[in-house]
Amino acid sequence: MKTALRLGVAAMAVTGLMTTVPAASAAERPAPKATERIQTVDVNGIKVDKEATAETRRIIGADTVAATATANVCGSGYTISTGAWRYSTYGTTYTWTNGTTTGSSYYDKPICAVFFNDSGYTKYMGVRLSSNYTADAPAQDFGAYGSYAGPVYQKRGYCGTVYSYMEDSSGKVLVDNVETVGSCN
C-alpha cells in the first residue's frame, strides 16, 4: 500500500517557482518574531527553509520527485523542507513544515518526518520525531516497510530531533542516526 501511495504521490509532483533570496549572515538577521513564517528558497520548484544546509539542498535537488512524494505523504500544507538526510543507498529522511507558528515561539512550528526506504527491499525501520519541548512525547513509526516509515508529526517540532533507524534481515544495523530539525543553535 505504501509503495503504491509513494508512486502515486510522486506522480503528483508539485512545481512552482519562487525568487531565491540571498541568505544574510546571522549578524545581519534580526531576531525572528513568533508570528514570522519561515523564509524559503526554491530548489527545483520545492520550497526549502533558507537556513537549510547545503546537503539538504543537494539531496532535494538530486531527486525532486522523491522529495515531493514525501511532502505529499505528510499531507496538505506541508510544503517547506526543513531537512533531508541521505544514508548511503539505504534510505533518506525528510522533514517538512507548513511554516506557521503553533505557539508563542518562532520554533513552535509543526513538523512532519518520513524515512524513505531506498534499498528496494523490505527492512525493519523507523522514524521518531521529538519536539523541542521535553514535555511533548515523541511520535514514532517502526516496523517492516518496503517503502517508508512515517509520517510522524510534532506540533512544536522545529529545533527538535528526528531519529532514523534501519536494519537488515539478519539484524545488522544499517542506519542509526539523529539529526536536528531546522536551523537551530
N, C-alpha and C. Protein backbone atom coordinates (compact mmCIF):
# COMPACT_ATOMS: atom_id res chain seq x y z
N MET A 1 0.83 -1.19 0.00
CA MET A 1 0.00 0.00 0.00
C MET A 1 0.87 1.25 0.00
N LYS A 2 1.89 1.28 0.89
CA LYS A 2 2.74 2.46 0.94
C LYS A 2 3.52 2.64 -0.35
N THR A 3 3.94 1.53 -1.00
CA THR A 3 4.66 1.64 -2.26
C THR A 3 3.77 2.28 -3.32
N ALA A 4 2.53 1.82 -3.39
CA ALA A 4 1.59 2.39 -4.36
C ALA A 4 1.34 3.86 -4.05
N LEU A 5 1.22 4.19 -2.76
CA LEU A 5 0.99 5.57 -2.36
C LEU A 5 2.18 6.43 -2.75
N ARG A 6 3.40 5.92 -2.51
CA ARG A 6 4.60 6.69 -2.86
C ARG A 6 4.65 6.96 -4.35
N LEU A 7 4.36 5.93 -5.15
CA LEU A 7 4.39 6.12 -6.59
C LEU A 7 3.29 7.07 -7.03
N GLY A 8 2.13 6.96 -6.41
CA GLY A 8 1.02 7.84 -6.77
C GLY A 8 1.29 9.28 -6.43
N VAL A 9 1.84 9.53 -5.23
CA VAL A 9 2.10 10.92 -4.86
C VAL A 9 3.30 11.47 -5.60
N ALA A 10 4.24 10.62 -5.97
CA ALA A 10 5.38 11.08 -6.76
C ALA A 10 4.90 11.58 -8.12
N ALA A 11 3.86 10.95 -8.64
CA ALA A 11 3.33 11.37 -9.93
C ALA A 11 2.65 12.71 -9.85
N MET A 12 2.28 13.14 -8.64
CA MET A 12 1.62 14.43 -8.45
C MET A 12 2.61 15.50 -8.04
N ALA A 13 3.84 15.41 -8.47
CA ALA A 13 4.88 16.35 -8.08
C ALA A 13 4.43 17.78 -8.34
N VAL A 14 4.59 18.60 -7.33
CA VAL A 14 4.18 19.99 -7.41
C VAL A 14 5.35 20.81 -7.95
N THR A 15 5.08 21.66 -8.90
CA THR A 15 6.12 22.55 -9.39
C THR A 15 5.64 23.97 -9.23
N GLY A 16 6.50 24.80 -8.75
CA GLY A 16 6.21 26.21 -8.58
C GLY A 16 7.52 26.94 -8.44
N LEU A 17 7.56 28.17 -8.86
CA LEU A 17 8.82 28.90 -8.81
C LEU A 17 8.72 30.03 -7.81
N MET A 18 9.80 30.24 -7.09
CA MET A 18 9.91 31.34 -6.14
C MET A 18 11.21 32.06 -6.43
N THR A 19 11.30 33.30 -6.04
CA THR A 19 12.54 34.03 -6.20
C THR A 19 13.48 33.63 -5.09
N THR A 20 14.72 33.33 -5.43
CA THR A 20 15.71 32.97 -4.45
C THR A 20 16.27 34.24 -3.83
N VAL A 21 16.24 34.31 -2.51
CA VAL A 21 16.74 35.46 -1.79
C VAL A 21 18.09 35.09 -1.20
N PRO A 22 19.12 35.91 -1.43
CA PRO A 22 20.42 35.58 -0.85
C PRO A 22 20.33 35.54 0.67
N ALA A 23 20.99 34.55 1.28
CA ALA A 23 20.96 34.40 2.73
C ALA A 23 21.81 35.48 3.39
N ALA A 24 21.28 36.07 4.45
CA ALA A 24 22.03 37.05 5.23
C ALA A 24 22.81 36.32 6.31
N SER A 25 23.88 36.91 6.76
CA SER A 25 24.64 36.30 7.84
C SER A 25 23.83 36.41 9.13
N ALA A 26 24.19 35.62 10.13
CA ALA A 26 23.47 35.63 11.40
C ALA A 26 23.48 37.03 12.02
N ALA A 27 24.58 37.75 11.88
CA ALA A 27 24.69 39.09 12.46
C ALA A 27 23.77 40.08 11.75
N GLU A 28 23.46 39.85 10.47
CA GLU A 28 22.62 40.76 9.70
C GLU A 28 21.13 40.51 9.90
N ARG A 29 20.76 39.32 10.38
CA ARG A 29 19.35 38.97 10.53
C ARG A 29 18.82 39.47 11.87
N PRO A 30 17.67 40.12 11.86
CA PRO A 30 17.05 40.46 13.14
C PRO A 30 16.47 39.20 13.77
N ALA A 31 16.28 39.23 15.08
CA ALA A 31 15.69 38.07 15.78
C ALA A 31 14.30 37.85 15.22
N PRO A 32 13.94 36.59 14.92
CA PRO A 32 12.61 36.32 14.35
C PRO A 32 11.51 36.58 15.36
N LYS A 33 10.38 37.03 14.86
CA LYS A 33 9.19 37.22 15.69
C LYS A 33 8.40 35.94 15.69
N ALA A 34 7.64 35.71 16.72
CA ALA A 34 6.88 34.46 16.85
C ALA A 34 5.93 34.25 15.68
N THR A 35 5.42 35.31 15.09
CA THR A 35 4.44 35.17 14.03
C THR A 35 5.06 35.09 12.64
N GLU A 36 6.38 35.19 12.53
CA GLU A 36 7.03 35.13 11.23
C GLU A 36 6.94 33.74 10.64
N ARG A 37 6.81 33.70 9.34
CA ARG A 37 6.84 32.44 8.61
C ARG A 37 8.29 32.16 8.24
N ILE A 38 8.59 30.91 7.98
CA ILE A 38 9.93 30.53 7.56
C ILE A 38 10.19 31.12 6.18
N GLN A 39 11.36 31.73 6.02
CA GLN A 39 11.75 32.23 4.71
C GLN A 39 12.32 31.07 3.91
N THR A 40 12.00 31.04 2.63
CA THR A 40 12.37 29.89 1.81
C THR A 40 13.17 30.31 0.58
N VAL A 41 13.82 29.31 0.01
CA VAL A 41 14.46 29.43 -1.30
C VAL A 41 13.87 28.31 -2.17
N ASP A 42 13.99 28.48 -3.47
CA ASP A 42 13.48 27.49 -4.40
C ASP A 42 14.59 26.53 -4.80
N VAL A 43 14.34 25.25 -4.69
CA VAL A 43 15.26 24.22 -5.18
C VAL A 43 14.47 23.35 -6.16
N ASN A 44 14.63 23.62 -7.41
CA ASN A 44 13.91 22.88 -8.47
C ASN A 44 12.41 22.81 -8.23
N GLY A 45 11.82 23.93 -7.83
CA GLY A 45 10.38 24.00 -7.63
C GLY A 45 9.91 23.61 -6.25
N ILE A 46 10.81 23.27 -5.34
CA ILE A 46 10.45 22.90 -3.98
C ILE A 46 10.92 23.99 -3.03
N LYS A 47 10.02 24.39 -2.12
CA LYS A 47 10.38 25.39 -1.12
C LYS A 47 11.23 24.73 -0.03
N VAL A 48 12.38 25.35 0.24
CA VAL A 48 13.30 24.84 1.25
C VAL A 48 13.61 25.98 2.21
N ASP A 49 13.60 25.68 3.50
CA ASP A 49 13.98 26.66 4.53
C ASP A 49 15.30 27.29 4.09
N LYS A 50 15.34 28.64 4.03
CA LYS A 50 16.56 29.28 3.53
C LYS A 50 17.76 29.01 4.43
N GLU A 51 17.52 28.57 5.66
CA GLU A 51 18.60 28.23 6.59
C GLU A 51 19.03 26.77 6.47
N ALA A 52 18.39 26.00 5.58
CA ALA A 52 18.73 24.58 5.43
C ALA A 52 20.17 24.43 4.94
N THR A 53 20.76 23.31 5.28
CA THR A 53 22.15 23.06 4.90
C THR A 53 22.29 22.87 3.39
N ALA A 54 23.50 23.04 2.92
CA ALA A 54 23.80 22.79 1.51
C ALA A 54 23.52 21.34 1.16
N GLU A 55 23.76 20.41 2.10
CA GLU A 55 23.49 19.00 1.86
C GLU A 55 21.99 18.75 1.67
N THR A 56 21.15 19.40 2.48
CA THR A 56 19.69 19.28 2.30
C THR A 56 19.31 19.76 0.91
N ARG A 57 19.83 20.90 0.50
CA ARG A 57 19.51 21.45 -0.82
C ARG A 57 19.98 20.49 -1.92
N ARG A 58 21.15 19.87 -1.75
CA ARG A 58 21.67 18.94 -2.74
C ARG A 58 20.77 17.70 -2.84
N ILE A 59 20.36 17.15 -1.69
CA ILE A 59 19.50 15.96 -1.68
C ILE A 59 18.16 16.26 -2.34
N ILE A 60 17.56 17.38 -1.99
CA ILE A 60 16.27 17.78 -2.57
C ILE A 60 16.43 17.97 -4.08
N GLY A 61 17.47 18.67 -4.49
CA GLY A 61 17.70 18.94 -5.91
C GLY A 61 18.00 17.70 -6.72
N ALA A 62 18.63 16.71 -6.10
CA ALA A 62 19.01 15.49 -6.81
C ALA A 62 17.81 14.58 -7.11
N ASP A 63 16.76 14.64 -6.29
CA ASP A 63 15.60 13.79 -6.52
C ASP A 63 14.33 14.53 -6.08
N THR A 64 13.91 15.48 -6.89
CA THR A 64 12.75 16.29 -6.53
C THR A 64 11.45 15.48 -6.52
N VAL A 65 11.39 14.41 -7.32
CA VAL A 65 10.18 13.58 -7.33
C VAL A 65 10.02 12.90 -5.97
N ALA A 66 11.09 12.31 -5.44
CA ALA A 66 11.02 11.66 -4.12
C ALA A 66 10.74 12.68 -3.04
N ALA A 67 11.38 13.84 -3.11
CA ALA A 67 11.15 14.88 -2.10
C ALA A 67 9.69 15.33 -2.12
N THR A 68 9.15 15.55 -3.29
CA THR A 68 7.75 15.96 -3.40
C THR A 68 6.82 14.86 -2.89
N ALA A 69 7.18 13.62 -3.16
CA ALA A 69 6.36 12.50 -2.68
C ALA A 69 6.29 12.50 -1.16
N THR A 70 7.40 12.77 -0.48
CA THR A 70 7.37 12.78 0.98
C THR A 70 6.52 13.93 1.50
N ALA A 71 6.61 15.08 0.85
CA ALA A 71 5.76 16.21 1.26
C ALA A 71 4.30 15.84 1.12
N ASN A 72 3.95 15.16 0.03
CA ASN A 72 2.56 14.73 -0.18
C ASN A 72 2.14 13.68 0.83
N VAL A 73 3.05 12.81 1.25
CA VAL A 73 2.74 11.82 2.28
C VAL A 73 2.41 12.53 3.59
N CYS A 74 3.11 13.63 3.86
CA CYS A 74 2.84 14.40 5.09
C CYS A 74 1.47 15.04 5.07
N GLY A 75 0.97 15.38 3.90
CA GLY A 75 -0.37 15.93 3.81
C GLY A 75 -0.40 17.38 3.38
N SER A 76 -1.59 17.87 3.22
CA SER A 76 -1.82 19.22 2.74
C SER A 76 -1.15 20.26 3.62
N GLY A 77 -0.45 21.17 3.01
CA GLY A 77 0.17 22.27 3.73
C GLY A 77 1.62 22.05 4.08
N TYR A 78 2.08 20.81 4.14
CA TYR A 78 3.49 20.55 4.47
C TYR A 78 4.31 20.69 3.19
N THR A 79 4.70 21.94 2.89
CA THR A 79 5.33 22.24 1.61
C THR A 79 6.72 22.85 1.73
N ILE A 80 7.23 23.02 2.94
CA ILE A 80 8.55 23.62 3.13
C ILE A 80 9.48 22.59 3.75
N SER A 81 10.55 22.25 3.04
CA SER A 81 11.52 21.30 3.56
C SER A 81 12.39 21.97 4.62
N THR A 82 12.53 21.32 5.76
CA THR A 82 13.43 21.82 6.81
C THR A 82 14.67 20.96 6.94
N GLY A 83 14.71 19.83 6.23
CA GLY A 83 15.90 18.99 6.27
C GLY A 83 15.74 17.72 5.46
N ALA A 84 16.87 17.22 4.96
CA ALA A 84 16.91 15.95 4.25
C ALA A 84 18.27 15.31 4.53
N TRP A 85 18.26 14.01 4.85
CA TRP A 85 19.48 13.28 5.18
C TRP A 85 19.49 11.96 4.43
N ARG A 86 20.53 11.73 3.66
CA ARG A 86 20.66 10.52 2.85
C ARG A 86 21.62 9.58 3.55
N TYR A 87 21.23 8.31 3.67
CA TYR A 87 22.04 7.29 4.33
C TYR A 87 22.46 6.25 3.31
N SER A 88 23.56 6.53 2.60
CA SER A 88 24.12 5.65 1.58
C SER A 88 23.01 5.26 0.61
N THR A 89 22.87 3.98 0.31
CA THR A 89 21.80 3.52 -0.58
C THR A 89 20.61 2.97 0.19
N TYR A 90 20.64 3.14 1.52
CA TYR A 90 19.60 2.54 2.37
C TYR A 90 18.33 3.37 2.45
N GLY A 91 18.45 4.66 2.67
CA GLY A 91 17.24 5.45 2.84
C GLY A 91 17.53 6.94 2.95
N THR A 92 16.45 7.71 2.93
CA THR A 92 16.53 9.16 3.04
C THR A 92 15.41 9.63 3.97
N THR A 93 15.77 10.47 4.94
CA THR A 93 14.79 11.05 5.85
C THR A 93 14.55 12.50 5.43
N TYR A 94 13.27 12.87 5.41
CA TYR A 94 12.87 14.24 5.08
C TYR A 94 12.02 14.79 6.21
N THR A 95 12.19 16.09 6.49
CA THR A 95 11.29 16.78 7.42
C THR A 95 10.67 17.96 6.69
N TRP A 96 9.39 18.21 7.01
CA TRP A 96 8.61 19.25 6.33
C TRP A 96 7.82 20.06 7.35
N THR A 97 7.50 21.29 7.00
CA THR A 97 6.64 22.14 7.82
C THR A 97 5.70 22.92 6.91
N ASN A 98 4.67 23.49 7.53
CA ASN A 98 3.82 24.41 6.79
C ASN A 98 4.25 25.85 7.06
N GLY A 99 5.23 26.02 7.95
CA GLY A 99 5.81 27.33 8.19
C GLY A 99 5.07 28.20 9.18
N THR A 100 3.89 27.76 9.63
CA THR A 100 3.15 28.57 10.59
C THR A 100 3.66 28.30 12.00
N THR A 101 3.30 29.17 12.92
CA THR A 101 3.68 29.02 14.31
C THR A 101 2.48 28.52 15.09
N THR A 102 2.69 27.48 15.94
CA THR A 102 1.60 26.90 16.72
C THR A 102 1.61 27.35 18.17
N GLY A 103 2.52 28.23 18.53
CA GLY A 103 2.62 28.69 19.91
C GLY A 103 3.22 30.07 19.97
N SER A 104 3.85 30.38 21.08
CA SER A 104 4.39 31.72 21.29
C SER A 104 5.81 31.88 20.78
N SER A 105 6.45 30.82 20.36
CA SER A 105 7.84 30.87 19.93
C SER A 105 7.95 30.67 18.42
N TYR A 106 8.95 31.30 17.83
CA TYR A 106 9.26 31.11 16.42
C TYR A 106 9.49 29.62 16.13
N TYR A 107 10.00 28.90 17.12
CA TYR A 107 10.35 27.50 16.94
C TYR A 107 9.16 26.55 17.13
N ASP A 108 7.99 27.06 17.45
CA ASP A 108 6.79 26.24 17.63
C ASP A 108 6.12 26.01 16.28
N LYS A 109 6.82 25.33 15.40
CA LYS A 109 6.31 25.06 14.06
C LYS A 109 5.99 23.58 13.92
N PRO A 110 4.86 23.25 13.30
CA PRO A 110 4.54 21.84 13.09
C PRO A 110 5.53 21.21 12.12
N ILE A 111 5.96 19.99 12.44
CA ILE A 111 6.92 19.27 11.62
C ILE A 111 6.37 17.88 11.33
N CYS A 112 6.63 17.41 10.13
CA CYS A 112 6.31 16.05 9.71
C CYS A 112 7.62 15.40 9.27
N ALA A 113 7.81 14.13 9.63
CA ALA A 113 9.01 13.39 9.22
C ALA A 113 8.62 12.08 8.55
N VAL A 114 9.37 11.74 7.49
CA VAL A 114 9.20 10.49 6.76
C VAL A 114 10.59 9.95 6.45
N PHE A 115 10.78 8.64 6.67
CA PHE A 115 12.04 7.97 6.35
C PHE A 115 11.77 7.01 5.21
N PHE A 116 12.26 7.35 4.01
CA PHE A 116 12.04 6.52 2.83
C PHE A 116 13.06 5.40 2.76
N ASN A 117 12.59 4.22 2.43
CA ASN A 117 13.43 3.05 2.22
C ASN A 117 13.87 3.05 0.76
N ASP A 118 15.15 3.33 0.52
CA ASP A 118 15.68 3.40 -0.84
C ASP A 118 16.37 2.10 -1.25
N SER A 119 16.32 1.07 -0.39
CA SER A 119 17.07 -0.17 -0.65
C SER A 119 16.41 -1.08 -1.68
N GLY A 120 15.11 -0.93 -1.86
CA GLY A 120 14.39 -1.82 -2.77
C GLY A 120 13.88 -3.09 -2.10
N TYR A 121 14.18 -3.27 -0.81
CA TYR A 121 13.77 -4.45 -0.06
C TYR A 121 13.08 -4.05 1.24
N THR A 122 12.14 -4.85 1.70
CA THR A 122 11.51 -4.60 2.98
C THR A 122 12.55 -4.72 4.08
N LYS A 123 12.58 -3.74 4.96
CA LYS A 123 13.53 -3.70 6.08
C LYS A 123 12.77 -3.32 7.35
N TYR A 124 13.32 -3.76 8.49
CA TYR A 124 12.81 -3.22 9.75
C TYR A 124 13.40 -1.83 9.86
N MET A 125 12.53 -0.84 10.01
CA MET A 125 12.99 0.54 10.02
C MET A 125 12.01 1.40 10.80
N GLY A 126 12.44 2.61 11.09
CA GLY A 126 11.55 3.51 11.79
C GLY A 126 12.04 4.93 11.79
N VAL A 127 11.12 5.80 12.18
CA VAL A 127 11.43 7.22 12.32
C VAL A 127 10.76 7.70 13.61
N ARG A 128 11.51 8.50 14.37
CA ARG A 128 10.99 9.08 15.61
C ARG A 128 11.23 10.58 15.56
N LEU A 129 10.19 11.35 15.84
CA LEU A 129 10.27 12.80 15.82
C LEU A 129 10.00 13.32 17.22
N SER A 130 10.97 14.03 17.76
CA SER A 130 10.83 14.63 19.09
C SER A 130 10.73 16.14 18.93
N SER A 131 9.87 16.76 19.73
CA SER A 131 9.72 18.21 19.64
C SER A 131 10.88 18.87 20.36
N ASN A 132 10.87 20.19 20.37
CA ASN A 132 11.89 20.95 21.08
C ASN A 132 11.47 21.21 22.54
N TYR A 133 10.45 20.51 23.01
CA TYR A 133 9.98 20.62 24.40
C TYR A 133 10.00 19.22 25.03
N THR A 134 10.66 19.07 26.15
CA THR A 134 10.78 17.75 26.77
C THR A 134 9.43 17.22 27.26
N ALA A 135 8.46 18.08 27.48
CA ALA A 135 7.14 17.64 27.94
C ALA A 135 6.34 16.94 26.84
N ASP A 136 6.70 17.16 25.59
CA ASP A 136 5.98 16.53 24.47
C ASP A 136 6.53 15.12 24.23
N ALA A 137 5.63 14.15 24.16
CA ALA A 137 6.05 12.77 23.87
C ALA A 137 6.51 12.68 22.41
N PRO A 138 7.54 11.87 22.13
CA PRO A 138 7.95 11.70 20.74
C PRO A 138 6.88 10.95 19.94
N ALA A 139 6.82 11.23 18.64
CA ALA A 139 5.95 10.50 17.73
C ALA A 139 6.83 9.56 16.92
N GLN A 140 6.40 8.31 16.75
CA GLN A 140 7.26 7.37 16.05
C GLN A 140 6.46 6.35 15.27
N ASP A 141 7.15 5.74 14.29
CA ASP A 141 6.57 4.68 13.48
C ASP A 141 7.70 3.70 13.15
N PHE A 142 7.64 2.49 13.71
CA PHE A 142 8.64 1.45 13.47
C PHE A 142 7.93 0.19 13.00
N GLY A 143 8.56 -0.53 12.07
CA GLY A 143 8.00 -1.78 11.57
C GLY A 143 8.78 -2.24 10.35
N ALA A 144 8.27 -3.27 9.69
CA ALA A 144 8.89 -3.78 8.47
C ALA A 144 8.22 -3.08 7.29
N TYR A 145 8.99 -2.26 6.57
CA TYR A 145 8.44 -1.45 5.49
C TYR A 145 9.26 -1.60 4.22
N GLY A 146 8.57 -1.64 3.12
CA GLY A 146 9.21 -1.69 1.82
C GLY A 146 9.37 -0.33 1.19
N SER A 147 8.60 0.67 1.66
CA SER A 147 8.70 1.99 1.04
C SER A 147 9.09 3.09 2.03
N TYR A 148 8.38 3.23 3.15
CA TYR A 148 8.76 4.29 4.10
C TYR A 148 8.15 4.06 5.48
N ALA A 149 8.78 4.67 6.46
CA ALA A 149 8.26 4.74 7.83
C ALA A 149 7.75 6.16 8.04
N GLY A 150 6.63 6.28 8.73
CA GLY A 150 6.01 7.58 8.93
C GLY A 150 4.77 7.67 8.06
N PRO A 151 4.20 8.82 7.97
CA PRO A 151 4.66 10.08 8.53
C PRO A 151 4.38 10.17 10.04
N VAL A 152 5.21 10.92 10.72
CA VAL A 152 5.01 11.23 12.13
C VAL A 152 5.04 12.75 12.27
N TYR A 153 4.32 13.26 13.30
CA TYR A 153 4.11 14.70 13.42
C TYR A 153 4.42 15.20 14.83
N GLN A 154 4.89 16.43 14.91
CA GLN A 154 5.02 17.17 16.16
C GLN A 154 4.48 18.57 15.92
N LYS A 155 3.66 19.08 16.84
CA LYS A 155 3.13 20.44 16.70
C LYS A 155 4.22 21.49 16.90
N ARG A 156 5.21 21.15 17.74
CA ARG A 156 6.30 22.10 18.02
C ARG A 156 7.65 21.43 17.73
N GLY A 157 7.81 20.98 16.50
CA GLY A 157 8.96 20.16 16.17
C GLY A 157 10.19 20.87 15.65
N TYR A 158 10.07 22.14 15.27
CA TYR A 158 11.23 22.86 14.77
C TYR A 158 12.24 22.99 15.90
N CYS A 159 13.46 22.63 15.65
CA CYS A 159 14.55 22.56 16.63
C CYS A 159 14.46 21.31 17.50
N GLY A 160 13.56 20.42 17.17
CA GLY A 160 13.52 19.11 17.82
C GLY A 160 14.52 18.19 17.12
N THR A 161 14.31 16.88 17.24
CA THR A 161 15.20 15.93 16.58
C THR A 161 14.40 14.90 15.82
N VAL A 162 15.05 14.35 14.78
CA VAL A 162 14.48 13.25 14.02
C VAL A 162 15.48 12.10 14.08
N TYR A 163 14.96 10.93 14.44
CA TYR A 163 15.78 9.73 14.57
C TYR A 163 15.37 8.75 13.47
N SER A 164 16.37 8.26 12.72
CA SER A 164 16.12 7.29 11.65
C SER A 164 16.85 6.00 11.98
N TYR A 165 16.16 4.88 11.77
CA TYR A 165 16.74 3.58 12.11
C TYR A 165 16.35 2.56 11.04
N MET A 166 17.32 1.69 10.69
CA MET A 166 17.06 0.61 9.74
C MET A 166 18.02 -0.52 10.01
N GLU A 167 17.51 -1.76 9.88
CA GLU A 167 18.39 -2.92 9.98
C GLU A 167 18.07 -3.90 8.86
N ASP A 168 19.06 -4.76 8.54
CA ASP A 168 18.83 -5.76 7.50
C ASP A 168 18.14 -6.98 8.10
N SER A 169 17.89 -8.00 7.28
CA SER A 169 17.13 -9.17 7.72
C SER A 169 17.85 -9.98 8.80
N SER A 170 19.16 -9.82 8.93
CA SER A 170 19.90 -10.55 9.97
C SER A 170 20.00 -9.74 11.27
N GLY A 171 19.45 -8.52 11.28
CA GLY A 171 19.50 -7.68 12.47
C GLY A 171 20.67 -6.71 12.49
N LYS A 172 21.49 -6.71 11.46
CA LYS A 172 22.62 -5.78 11.39
C LYS A 172 22.07 -4.37 11.18
N VAL A 173 22.53 -3.42 12.01
CA VAL A 173 22.07 -2.05 11.92
C VAL A 173 22.70 -1.37 10.70
N LEU A 174 21.85 -0.81 9.84
CA LEU A 174 22.30 -0.11 8.64
C LEU A 174 22.25 1.40 8.82
N VAL A 175 21.22 1.89 9.52
CA VAL A 175 21.05 3.32 9.79
C VAL A 175 20.67 3.47 11.24
N ASP A 176 21.34 4.36 11.94
CA ASP A 176 21.06 4.66 13.35
C ASP A 176 21.53 6.09 13.57
N ASN A 177 20.66 7.06 13.28
CA ASN A 177 21.11 8.44 13.21
C ASN A 177 20.08 9.42 13.78
N VAL A 178 20.58 10.46 14.46
CA VAL A 178 19.75 11.53 14.99
C VAL A 178 20.20 12.85 14.37
N GLU A 179 19.25 13.65 13.92
CA GLU A 179 19.54 14.97 13.33
C GLU A 179 18.64 16.01 13.97
N THR A 180 19.10 17.26 13.97
CA THR A 180 18.29 18.38 14.45
C THR A 180 17.41 18.86 13.31
N VAL A 181 16.15 19.15 13.62
CA VAL A 181 15.19 19.63 12.63
C VAL A 181 15.26 21.14 12.59
N GLY A 182 15.55 21.69 11.43
CA GLY A 182 15.60 23.13 11.25
C GLY A 182 16.95 23.70 11.59
N SER A 183 17.05 25.00 11.45
CA SER A 183 18.30 25.72 11.72
C SER A 183 18.27 26.23 13.15
N CYS A 184 18.99 25.55 14.02
CA CYS A 184 18.94 25.86 15.46
C CYS A 184 20.34 25.92 16.05
N ASN A 185 20.49 26.69 17.12
CA ASN A 185 21.80 26.74 17.79
C ASN A 185 21.80 25.73 18.90
